[in-house]
Amino acid sequence: MSIDYQIILAASVIILLIYPAMLLWGWLKGQYEDIEEAKYRVIEMEEKDAD
């Protein structure tokens, strides 16, 4: 196996480990609890800025 394939394999493994780690981090921080809140917050901010 050449060094190029080893680099590609290492990069692939790193990416495959980072993705579930980020999902777990987001879930533990509560980012998926109320996904609808963000759009209502934007509307409220626009109404406050208009006043």
C-alpha atoms as a PDB file:
ATOM      1  CA  MET A   1       0.000   0.000   0.000  1.00  0.00           C
ATOM      2  CA  SER A   2       1.501   3.329  -1.011  1.00  0.00           C
ATOM      3  CA  ILE A   3       1.668   6.415   1.153  1.00  0.00           C
ATOM      4  CA  ASP A   4      -1.061   8.133  -0.907  1.00  0.00           C
ATOM      5  CA  TYR A   5      -3.588   5.453  -0.024  1.00  0.00           C
ATOM      6  CA  GLN A   6      -2.590   5.588   3.622  1.00  0.00           C
ATOM      7  CA  ILE A   7      -3.194   9.345   3.714  1.00  0.00           C
ATOM      8  CA  ILE A   8      -6.585   8.927   2.054  1.00  0.00           C
ATOM      9  CA  LEU A   9      -7.493   6.138   4.465  1.00  0.00           C
ATOM     10  CA  ALA A  10      -6.441   8.201   7.490  1.00  0.00           C
ATOM     11  CA  ALA A  11      -8.411  11.225   6.261  1.00  0.00           C
ATOM     12  CA  SER A  12     -11.485   9.065   5.657  1.00  0.00           C
ATOM     13  CA  VAL A  13     -11.310   7.557   9.135  1.00  0.00           C
ATOM     14  CA  ILE A  14     -10.941  11.005  10.694  1.00  0.00           C
ATOM     15  CA  ILE A  15     -13.966  12.311   8.800  1.00  0.00           C
ATOM     16  CA  LEU A  16     -16.006   9.235   9.738  1.00  0.00           C
ATOM     17  CA  LEU A  17     -15.173   9.808  13.409  1.00  0.00           C
ATOM     18  CA  ILE A  18     -15.774  13.566  13.411  1.00  0.00           C
ATOM     19  CA  TYR A  19     -19.277  13.404  11.917  1.00  0.00           C
ATOM     20  CA  PRO A  20     -20.904  11.256  14.644  1.00  0.00           C
ATOM     21  CA  ALA A  21     -18.953  13.139  17.303  1.00  0.00           C
ATOM     22  CA  MET A  22     -20.426  16.439  16.104  1.00  0.00           C
ATOM     23  CA  LEU A  23     -23.930  14.940  16.029  1.00  0.00           C
ATOM     24  CA  LEU A  24     -23.495  13.650  19.572  1.00  0.00           C
ATOM     25  CA  TRP A  25     -22.154  17.005  20.745  1.00  0.00           C
ATOM     26  CA  GLY A  26     -25.143  18.826  19.241  1.00  0.00           C
ATOM     27  CA  TRP A  27     -27.571  16.389  20.799  1.00  0.00           C
ATOM     28  CA  LEU A  28     -25.968  16.694  24.232  1.00  0.00           C
ATOM     29  CA  LYS A  29     -26.009  20.509  24.006  1.00  0.00           C
ATOM     30  CA  GLY A  30     -29.754  20.422  23.232  1.00  0.00           C
ATOM     31  CA  GLN A  31     -29.562  21.856  19.733  1.00  0.00           C
ATOM     32  CA  TYR A  32     -32.142  19.396  18.424  1.00  0.00           C
ATOM     33  CA  GLU A  33     -34.707  19.945  21.166  1.00  0.00           C
ATOM     34  CA  ASP A  34     -36.753  22.726  19.537  1.00  0.00           C
ATOM     35  CA  ILE A  35     -35.747  23.179  15.920  1.00  0.00           C
ATOM     36  CA  GLU A  36     -38.749  25.417  15.187  1.00  0.00           C
ATOM     37  CA  GLU A  37     -37.728  28.101  17.684  1.00  0.00           C
ATOM     38  CA  ALA A  38     -35.099  29.701  15.453  1.00  0.00           C
ATOM     39  CA  LYS A  39     -37.521  30.856  12.760  1.00  0.00           C
ATOM     40  CA  TYR A  40     -39.852  32.421  15.326  1.00  0.00           C
ATOM     41  CA  ARG A  41     -36.930  34.161  16.998  1.00  0.00           C
ATOM     42  CA  VAL A  42     -35.964  35.727  13.651  1.00  0.00           C
ATOM     43  CA  ILE A  43     -39.509  37.041  13.187  1.00  0.00           C
ATOM     44  CA  GLU A  44     -39.530  38.509  16.704  1.00  0.00           C
ATOM     45  CA  MET A  45     -36.183  40.197  16.093  1.00  0.00           C
ATOM     46  CA  GLU A  46     -37.488  41.755  12.863  1.00  0.00           C
ATOM     47  CA  GLU A  47     -40.560  43.097  14.679  1.00  0.00           C
ATOM     48  CA  LYS A  48     -38.384  44.652  17.405  1.00  0.00           C
ATOM     49  CA  ASP A  49     -36.120  46.262  14.810  1.00  0.00           C
ATOM     50  CA  ALA A  50     -39.135  47.702  12.948  1.00  0.00           C
ATOM     51  CA  ASP A  51     -40.413  49.479  16.087  1.00  0.00           C
END
